[in-house]
Amino acid sequence: MCLLLLLFLAAACGRSVKNHNSSPAAVVSSSSNQSAASTPAIPENYATASGKKPQFVLLAFDGSRSLDMWQKTLDFSQGMSTQGKPVHFTYFLSGVYFLDYHKASHYVAPDGKPGHSLIGFADSNLDVEKRVAFVNRAISEGHEIGSHLNGHFDGSSWTSQQGEPEVNSFNTLIFSIPHNNDVSAEDAAKYTINLSPKQMVGFRAPDLGRNQAMYDVLKKHGYTYDTSGVGKSDAWPARLSSGIWEFPLAQINYASSTKKILSMDYNFYFKQSNAKDIAVKGTPLWDSFYSDTYNSYINYFNGNYQGDRAPVYIGSHFSEWNDGVYWEAMRDFAAQVCGQPEVYCVTFGQLENYLESQRKK
């Protein structure tokens, strides 16, 4: 486990910089005006005819930079909803992607350097405006928004005094977008995320780096769950003494082998191609990467679904590494399992609500 996690941490910064340098243009589709009521709701009681626990599937994205991926993920979810198989994502935002790089100095990194970010900033005010529109579409369609902090710095050794300013900066970058980007009063609404700080309750740490000091800061700011841990594939979530729920990524079997890999796209990218883009769709290499990733996810799901039904967690990024193979594997996995009997593809907030309801019975 340690080796897998170290590999993830060691290469994460290079991953994010590459993502910053490739920002495809995208236009928010007209469906961004769709109301939440038009998205089929996931049942809140999660009743099961079998008498077994419901099978929850949690699909989340870190970063939020790529406009193209915002379009693809939201359109996919919308298509699933029209089929009566709702899938709701959790998006963990990086605050720097809501700040025009010309105003980068407004953000002070944990090392005290103004304008320092390992993953860059937004390309322009227009880039920010489009991203905000996608976030608001996601909220209106029942997805959840969480925090991935800002400049992608590893906080595993931070003190509370270091973590506090970074969380405060995230709140400023997300909830004061018009002011940060010198937007006129007439245009402010287009740069405002339809969310309050009190509704921001979920967290995934950059590089998965967190500690007790960070938990103390999160608790102070009203966060109720963290998704930065690593656990067994069949483990149910744990609630810390602080009241924060831990929803860990899982150590799962790689394809048909017994070798373990973290249930996150980047770890497959690193294992399969040493974090280099070498596969092209339509080639045998791409097909093998797809098959091994998809089968890893399916086997993970089947083991839990047929067992004690511990939640299934799959982490993804807004980077289409190896010609989109990991996005396509995750998408097709979701299309296969979401909508199966007693399976609910929910946000982390929805899972937390269920667990709290069970805990209080």
Protein backbone atom coordinates (compact mmCIF):
# COMPACT_ATOMS: atom_id res chain seq x y z
CA MET A 1 0.00 0.00 0.00
CA CYS A 2 2.77 2.41 0.95
CA LEU A 3 4.51 1.96 -2.39
CA LEU A 4 1.32 2.64 -4.33
CA LEU A 5 0.59 5.74 -2.30
CA LEU A 6 4.15 7.03 -2.67
CA LEU A 7 3.95 6.57 -6.43
CA PHE A 8 0.75 8.57 -6.45
CA LEU A 9 2.26 11.37 -4.37
CA ALA A 10 5.53 11.54 -6.25
CA ALA A 11 4.03 12.25 -9.63
CA ALA A 12 0.93 14.23 -8.78
CA CYS A 13 2.45 17.66 -9.35
CA GLY A 14 3.63 16.83 -12.85
CA ARG A 15 0.19 15.51 -13.63
CA SER A 16 -1.51 18.72 -12.69
CA VAL A 17 0.87 21.05 -14.52
CA LYS A 18 0.25 19.14 -17.71
CA ASN A 19 -3.48 19.52 -17.21
CA HIS A 20 -3.04 23.27 -16.86
CA ASN A 21 -1.21 23.54 -20.16
CA SER A 22 -3.97 21.86 -22.11
CA SER A 23 -7.28 23.62 -21.58
CA PRO A 24 -9.74 22.76 -24.36
CA ALA A 25 -12.34 25.34 -25.22
CA ALA A 26 -15.88 24.38 -24.46
CA VAL A 27 -19.30 25.98 -24.48
CA VAL A 28 -21.87 25.16 -21.84
CA SER A 29 -24.75 23.40 -23.53
CA SER A 30 -28.26 24.72 -23.29
CA SER A 31 -29.01 21.96 -20.80
CA SER A 32 -27.16 24.03 -18.20
CA ASN A 33 -30.48 25.72 -17.56
CA GLN A 34 -32.12 22.46 -16.61
CA SER A 35 -33.71 22.52 -13.18
CA ALA A 36 -32.92 20.06 -10.43
CA ALA A 37 -36.49 18.79 -10.62
CA SER A 38 -35.91 17.40 -14.13
CA THR A 39 -33.20 15.04 -12.88
CA PRO A 40 -34.65 11.73 -11.57
CA ALA A 41 -34.13 11.69 -7.82
CA ILE A 42 -32.19 8.94 -6.08
CA PRO A 43 -34.51 7.40 -3.45
CA GLU A 44 -33.67 8.65 0.02
CA ASN A 45 -34.83 5.55 1.85
CA TYR A 46 -32.67 3.17 -0.25
CA ALA A 47 -35.07 0.28 0.33
CA THR A 48 -33.93 -3.16 -0.81
CA ALA A 49 -36.21 -6.07 -1.64
CA SER A 50 -33.50 -8.55 -0.69
CA GLY A 51 -33.19 -7.28 2.85
CA LYS A 52 -29.48 -6.68 2.28
CA LYS A 53 -27.85 -3.29 2.59
CA PRO A 54 -28.03 -0.99 -0.43
CA GLN A 55 -24.94 -0.98 -2.65
CA PHE A 56 -23.57 2.55 -2.89
CA VAL A 57 -21.20 3.57 -5.68
CA LEU A 58 -19.27 6.82 -5.26
CA LEU A 59 -17.72 8.44 -8.34
CA ALA A 60 -15.72 11.63 -7.87
CA PHE A 61 -13.45 13.98 -9.80
CA ASP A 62 -10.51 16.02 -8.51
CA GLY A 63 -9.38 19.35 -9.95
CA SER A 64 -12.17 20.74 -12.15
CA ARG A 65 -10.03 22.54 -14.74
CA SER A 66 -10.99 20.97 -18.08
CA LEU A 67 -14.12 22.54 -19.55
CA ASP A 68 -14.37 19.64 -21.96
CA MET A 69 -14.55 17.17 -19.08
CA TRP A 70 -17.20 19.22 -17.33
CA GLN A 71 -19.28 18.92 -20.50
CA LYS A 72 -18.66 15.19 -20.93
CA THR A 73 -19.32 14.19 -17.33
CA LEU A 74 -22.48 16.24 -16.97
CA ASP A 75 -23.85 15.13 -20.33
CA PHE A 76 -23.17 11.49 -19.42
CA SER A 77 -24.99 11.86 -16.11
CA GLN A 78 -27.89 13.57 -17.83
CA GLY A 79 -28.11 10.73 -20.35
CA MET A 80 -28.13 8.15 -17.57
CA SER A 81 -30.93 10.03 -15.83
CA THR A 82 -33.09 9.96 -18.95
CA GLN A 83 -32.69 6.17 -18.88
CA GLY A 84 -33.93 6.08 -15.31
CA LYS A 85 -30.47 5.16 -13.99
CA PRO A 86 -29.34 8.27 -12.11
CA VAL A 87 -25.67 8.76 -11.33
CA HIS A 88 -24.57 11.73 -9.26
CA PHE A 89 -20.93 12.78 -9.13
CA THR A 90 -18.94 14.60 -6.46
CA TYR A 91 -16.62 17.27 -7.85
CA PHE A 92 -13.71 18.37 -5.66
CA LEU A 93 -12.73 21.85 -6.86
CA SER A 94 -9.27 23.42 -6.91
CA GLY A 95 -9.66 27.08 -5.99
CA VAL A 96 -6.92 28.37 -8.29
CA TYR A 97 -8.98 27.42 -11.35
CA PHE A 98 -11.40 30.21 -10.44
CA LEU A 99 -8.71 32.92 -10.49
CA ASP A 100 -7.45 34.51 -13.73
CA TYR A 101 -3.68 34.02 -13.89
CA HIS A 102 -3.27 37.78 -14.33
CA LYS A 103 -4.55 38.09 -10.75
CA ALA A 104 -2.56 35.13 -9.40
CA SER A 105 -0.93 37.20 -6.67
CA HIS A 106 -4.32 37.36 -4.90
CA TYR A 107 -3.59 33.79 -3.79
CA VAL A 108 -0.79 33.25 -1.27
CA ALA A 109 0.45 29.66 -1.17
CA PRO A 110 1.15 27.80 2.09
CA ASP A 111 4.87 28.54 1.58
CA GLY A 112 4.06 32.25 1.77
CA LYS A 113 4.68 32.94 -1.93
CA PRO A 114 2.01 35.03 -3.69
CA GLY A 115 0.83 33.53 -6.97
CA HIS A 116 2.50 30.16 -6.38
CA SER A 117 0.54 27.13 -7.58
CA LEU A 118 1.68 23.70 -8.72
CA ILE A 119 -1.24 23.46 -11.14
CA GLY A 120 -1.41 26.98 -12.55
CA PHE A 121 -4.50 29.21 -12.65
CA ALA A 122 -7.40 29.97 -14.98
CA ASP A 123 -6.48 31.21 -18.45
CA SER A 124 -8.74 34.27 -18.41
CA ASN A 125 -11.89 35.75 -16.93
CA LEU A 126 -13.88 34.09 -19.71
CA ASP A 127 -12.34 30.75 -18.72
CA VAL A 128 -13.50 31.36 -15.15
CA GLU A 129 -16.98 32.34 -16.30
CA LYS A 130 -17.42 29.13 -18.29
CA ARG A 131 -16.19 27.01 -15.40
CA VAL A 132 -18.59 28.69 -12.97
CA ALA A 133 -21.45 27.97 -15.39
CA PHE A 134 -20.57 24.28 -15.37
CA VAL A 135 -20.35 24.20 -11.58
CA ASN A 136 -23.79 25.78 -11.33
CA ARG A 137 -25.17 23.32 -13.85
CA ALA A 138 -23.74 20.47 -11.75
CA ILE A 139 -25.38 21.84 -8.61
CA SER A 140 -28.74 22.25 -10.36
CA GLU A 141 -28.61 18.66 -11.59
CA GLY A 142 -28.01 17.12 -8.18
CA HIS A 143 -24.24 16.70 -8.10
CA GLU A 144 -22.15 17.67 -5.11
CA ILE A 145 -19.31 20.19 -4.86
CA GLY A 146 -16.41 19.65 -2.44
CA SER A 147 -12.96 21.05 -1.76
CA HIS A 148 -9.61 19.99 -3.21
CA LEU A 149 -8.02 23.13 -1.71
CA ASN A 150 -6.01 25.34 -4.05
CA GLY A 151 -2.50 24.98 -5.42
CA HIS A 152 -2.15 21.20 -4.98
CA PHE A 153 0.31 21.25 -2.10
CA ASP A 154 0.85 18.21 0.13
CA GLY A 155 -0.53 19.03 3.58
CA SER A 156 0.46 15.82 5.35
CA SER A 157 2.98 17.63 7.56
CA TRP A 158 1.12 20.92 8.00
CA THR A 159 0.26 22.38 11.36
CA SER A 160 -3.17 23.87 11.99
CA GLN A 161 -1.57 27.29 11.49
CA GLN A 162 -0.58 26.25 7.96
CA GLY A 163 -3.82 24.48 7.09
CA GLU A 164 -6.09 27.27 8.29
CA PRO A 165 -4.93 29.90 5.72
CA GLU A 166 -5.22 27.39 2.87
CA VAL A 167 -8.83 26.59 3.77
CA ASN A 168 -9.56 30.30 4.16
CA SER A 169 -8.00 30.93 0.75
CA PHE A 170 -10.20 28.24 -0.78
CA ASN A 171 -13.30 29.93 0.59
CA THR A 172 -12.13 33.28 -0.78
CA LEU A 173 -11.32 31.85 -4.22
CA ILE A 174 -14.64 30.02 -4.51
CA PHE A 175 -17.05 32.42 -2.85
CA SER A 176 -15.57 35.79 -3.90
CA ILE A 177 -14.94 35.10 -7.58
CA PRO A 178 -16.28 38.41 -8.95
CA HIS A 179 -14.19 40.46 -6.54
CA ASN A 180 -11.04 38.38 -7.06
CA ASN A 181 -11.24 38.77 -10.84
CA ASP A 182 -12.29 42.45 -10.93
CA VAL A 183 -15.65 41.62 -12.48
CA SER A 184 -18.16 44.43 -12.86
CA ALA A 185 -21.35 44.47 -10.80
CA GLU A 186 -23.34 43.93 -14.01
CA ASP A 187 -21.53 40.64 -14.70
CA ALA A 188 -21.09 39.42 -11.12
CA ALA A 189 -23.93 36.88 -11.31
CA LYS A 190 -22.15 35.00 -14.10
CA TYR A 191 -19.15 34.54 -11.80
CA THR A 192 -21.04 33.48 -8.69
CA ILE A 193 -21.29 29.84 -7.64
CA ASN A 194 -24.76 29.02 -6.32
CA LEU A 195 -23.50 27.56 -3.09
CA SER A 196 -22.81 28.84 0.41
CA PRO A 197 -19.74 27.99 2.53
CA LYS A 198 -22.00 26.03 4.89
CA GLN A 199 -22.89 23.70 2.00
CA MET A 200 -19.21 22.91 1.37
CA VAL A 201 -18.82 19.88 3.64
CA GLY A 202 -16.68 17.40 1.64
CA PHE A 203 -12.91 17.25 1.23
CA ARG A 204 -10.22 15.42 -0.68
CA ALA A 205 -6.66 16.48 0.07
CA PRO A 206 -4.18 17.17 -2.74
CA ASP A 207 -1.75 14.24 -2.93
CA LEU A 208 -4.08 12.63 -0.34
CA GLY A 209 -1.93 14.44 2.24
CA ARG A 210 -3.76 15.11 5.49
CA ASN A 211 -3.20 14.69 9.22
CA GLN A 212 -4.92 15.35 12.53
CA ALA A 213 -4.14 19.06 12.32
CA MET A 214 -5.96 19.23 8.99
CA TYR A 215 -8.93 17.36 10.45
CA ASP A 216 -9.06 19.94 13.24
CA VAL A 217 -9.16 22.74 10.65
CA LEU A 218 -11.81 20.97 8.59
CA LYS A 219 -14.00 20.43 11.64
CA LYS A 220 -13.69 24.12 12.55
CA HIS A 221 -14.88 25.10 9.07
CA GLY A 222 -17.89 22.77 9.11
CA TYR A 223 -16.60 19.92 6.96
CA THR A 224 -18.24 16.61 7.76
CA TYR A 225 -16.34 14.08 5.63
CA ASP A 226 -12.93 13.38 4.11
CA THR A 227 -12.13 11.15 1.12
CA SER A 228 -8.32 11.24 1.28
CA GLY A 229 -7.64 7.96 3.05
CA VAL A 230 -6.71 4.50 1.77
CA GLY A 231 -8.54 1.41 2.99
CA LYS A 232 -9.57 -2.14 2.24
CA SER A 233 -11.95 -2.77 -0.64
CA ASP A 234 -14.63 -4.28 1.60
CA ALA A 235 -14.42 -1.79 4.47
CA TRP A 236 -17.41 0.25 5.59
CA PRO A 237 -16.80 3.93 6.41
CA ALA A 238 -15.68 4.98 9.88
CA ARG A 239 -16.76 8.05 11.83
CA LEU A 240 -13.96 9.73 13.76
CA SER A 241 -14.37 10.98 17.32
CA SER A 242 -14.47 14.48 15.84
CA GLY A 243 -17.61 13.55 13.95
CA ILE A 244 -15.90 13.59 10.53
CA TRP A 245 -16.63 10.59 8.33
CA GLU A 246 -13.75 8.87 6.52
CA PHE A 247 -14.56 7.60 3.03
CA PRO A 248 -11.27 6.04 1.84
CA LEU A 249 -10.19 5.11 -1.64
CA ALA A 250 -9.76 1.34 -1.83
CA GLN A 251 -6.93 -1.08 -2.41
CA ILE A 252 -8.37 -3.30 -5.11
CA ASN A 253 -7.08 -6.16 -7.22
CA TYR A 254 -5.55 -5.15 -10.53
CA ALA A 255 -7.59 -6.79 -13.31
CA SER A 256 -7.59 -10.56 -12.73
CA SER A 257 -4.44 -10.57 -10.60
CA THR A 258 -4.02 -10.35 -6.82
CA LYS A 259 -1.72 -7.33 -7.09
CA LYS A 260 -3.19 -4.29 -5.39
CA ILE A 261 -3.79 -0.85 -6.85
CA LEU A 262 -5.57 2.24 -5.53
CA SER A 263 -9.06 2.77 -6.96
CA MET A 264 -8.07 6.00 -8.71
CA ASP A 265 -7.39 6.66 -12.38
CA TYR A 266 -3.94 8.17 -11.85
CA ASN A 267 -2.65 4.98 -10.26
CA PHE A 268 -3.67 3.01 -13.35
CA TYR A 269 -2.01 5.65 -15.52
CA PHE A 270 1.20 5.30 -13.54
CA LYS A 271 1.15 1.51 -13.47
CA GLN A 272 0.30 1.04 -17.13
CA SER A 273 2.48 3.68 -18.76
CA ASN A 274 4.65 5.23 -16.04
CA ALA A 275 2.41 8.32 -16.20
CA LYS A 276 3.24 8.92 -19.88
CA ASP A 277 0.70 9.26 -22.69
CA ILE A 278 1.61 6.38 -24.96
CA ALA A 279 -1.73 4.77 -25.83
CA VAL A 280 -3.95 5.82 -28.74
CA LYS A 281 -7.57 4.78 -28.99
CA GLY A 282 -8.11 2.04 -31.55
CA THR A 283 -4.79 0.32 -30.85
CA PRO A 284 -4.23 -2.97 -28.99
CA LEU A 285 -2.32 -1.11 -26.26
CA TRP A 286 -5.24 1.24 -25.58
CA ASP A 287 -7.62 -1.71 -25.58
CA SER A 288 -5.50 -3.55 -23.02
CA PHE A 289 -5.33 -0.48 -20.76
CA TYR A 290 -9.10 -0.10 -21.02
CA SER A 291 -9.80 -3.77 -20.34
CA ASP A 292 -7.56 -3.95 -17.28
CA THR A 293 -8.99 -0.74 -15.80
CA TYR A 294 -12.63 -1.58 -16.52
CA ASN A 295 -12.28 -5.15 -15.23
CA SER A 296 -10.55 -3.92 -12.06
CA TYR A 297 -13.53 -1.69 -11.34
CA ILE A 298 -16.10 -4.37 -12.21
CA ASN A 299 -14.39 -7.01 -10.07
CA TYR A 300 -14.22 -4.55 -7.18
CA PHE A 301 -17.94 -3.83 -7.54
CA ASN A 302 -18.94 -7.49 -7.88
CA GLY A 303 -16.99 -8.48 -4.78
CA ASN A 304 -18.79 -5.90 -2.67
CA TYR A 305 -22.21 -6.27 -4.32
CA GLN A 306 -22.19 -10.03 -3.74
CA GLY A 307 -20.68 -9.62 -0.27
CA ASP A 308 -21.39 -7.21 2.58
CA ARG A 309 -22.02 -4.34 0.15
CA ALA A 310 -19.42 -1.93 1.44
CA PRO A 311 -19.47 1.28 -0.65
CA VAL A 312 -17.46 1.29 -3.89
CA TYR A 313 -15.20 4.35 -4.31
CA ILE A 314 -13.59 5.34 -7.60
CA GLY A 315 -11.52 8.51 -7.89
CA SER A 316 -10.89 10.28 -11.19
CA HIS A 317 -9.37 13.45 -12.56
CA PHE A 318 -10.27 15.90 -15.28
CA SER A 319 -7.30 14.69 -17.35
CA GLU A 320 -7.87 12.39 -20.34
CA TRP A 321 -4.63 10.51 -19.98
CA ASN A 322 -3.73 7.90 -22.61
CA ASP A 323 -6.29 9.24 -25.04
CA GLY A 324 -9.15 9.18 -22.57
CA VAL A 325 -8.92 5.51 -21.65
CA TYR A 326 -9.51 5.99 -17.91
CA TRP A 327 -12.47 8.28 -18.36
CA GLU A 328 -14.04 5.82 -20.81
CA ALA A 329 -13.43 2.86 -18.49
CA MET A 330 -15.02 4.69 -15.55
CA ARG A 331 -17.91 5.94 -17.70
CA ASP A 332 -18.66 2.46 -19.04
CA PHE A 333 -18.35 1.00 -15.55
CA ALA A 334 -20.97 3.49 -14.31
CA ALA A 335 -23.24 2.72 -17.26
CA GLN A 336 -23.01 -0.99 -16.39
CA VAL A 337 -23.61 -0.90 -12.63
CA CYS A 338 -25.73 2.20 -11.95
CA GLY A 339 -29.37 1.19 -12.18
CA GLN A 340 -28.80 -2.43 -11.21
CA PRO A 341 -31.13 -3.69 -8.47
CA GLU A 342 -30.40 -2.12 -5.10
CA VAL A 343 -27.46 -0.10 -6.50
CA TYR A 344 -27.30 3.65 -5.89
CA CYS A 345 -24.69 5.85 -7.58
CA VAL A 346 -24.71 8.74 -5.17
CA THR A 347 -22.67 11.68 -3.93
CA PHE A 348 -20.61 11.42 -0.77
CA GLY A 349 -23.07 13.75 0.92
CA GLN A 350 -25.93 11.38 0.16
CA LEU A 351 -23.93 8.45 1.55
CA GLU A 352 -23.15 10.46 4.67
CA ASN A 353 -26.85 11.25 5.16
CA TYR A 354 -27.69 7.55 4.90
CA LEU A 355 -24.99 6.56 7.40
CA GLU A 356 -26.10 9.22 9.86
CA SER A 357 -29.69 8.04 9.59
CA GLN A 358 -28.58 4.47 10.35
CA ARG A 359 -26.35 5.58 13.22
CA LYS A 360 -29.23 7.39 14.92
CA LYS A 361 -31.66 4.50 14.73
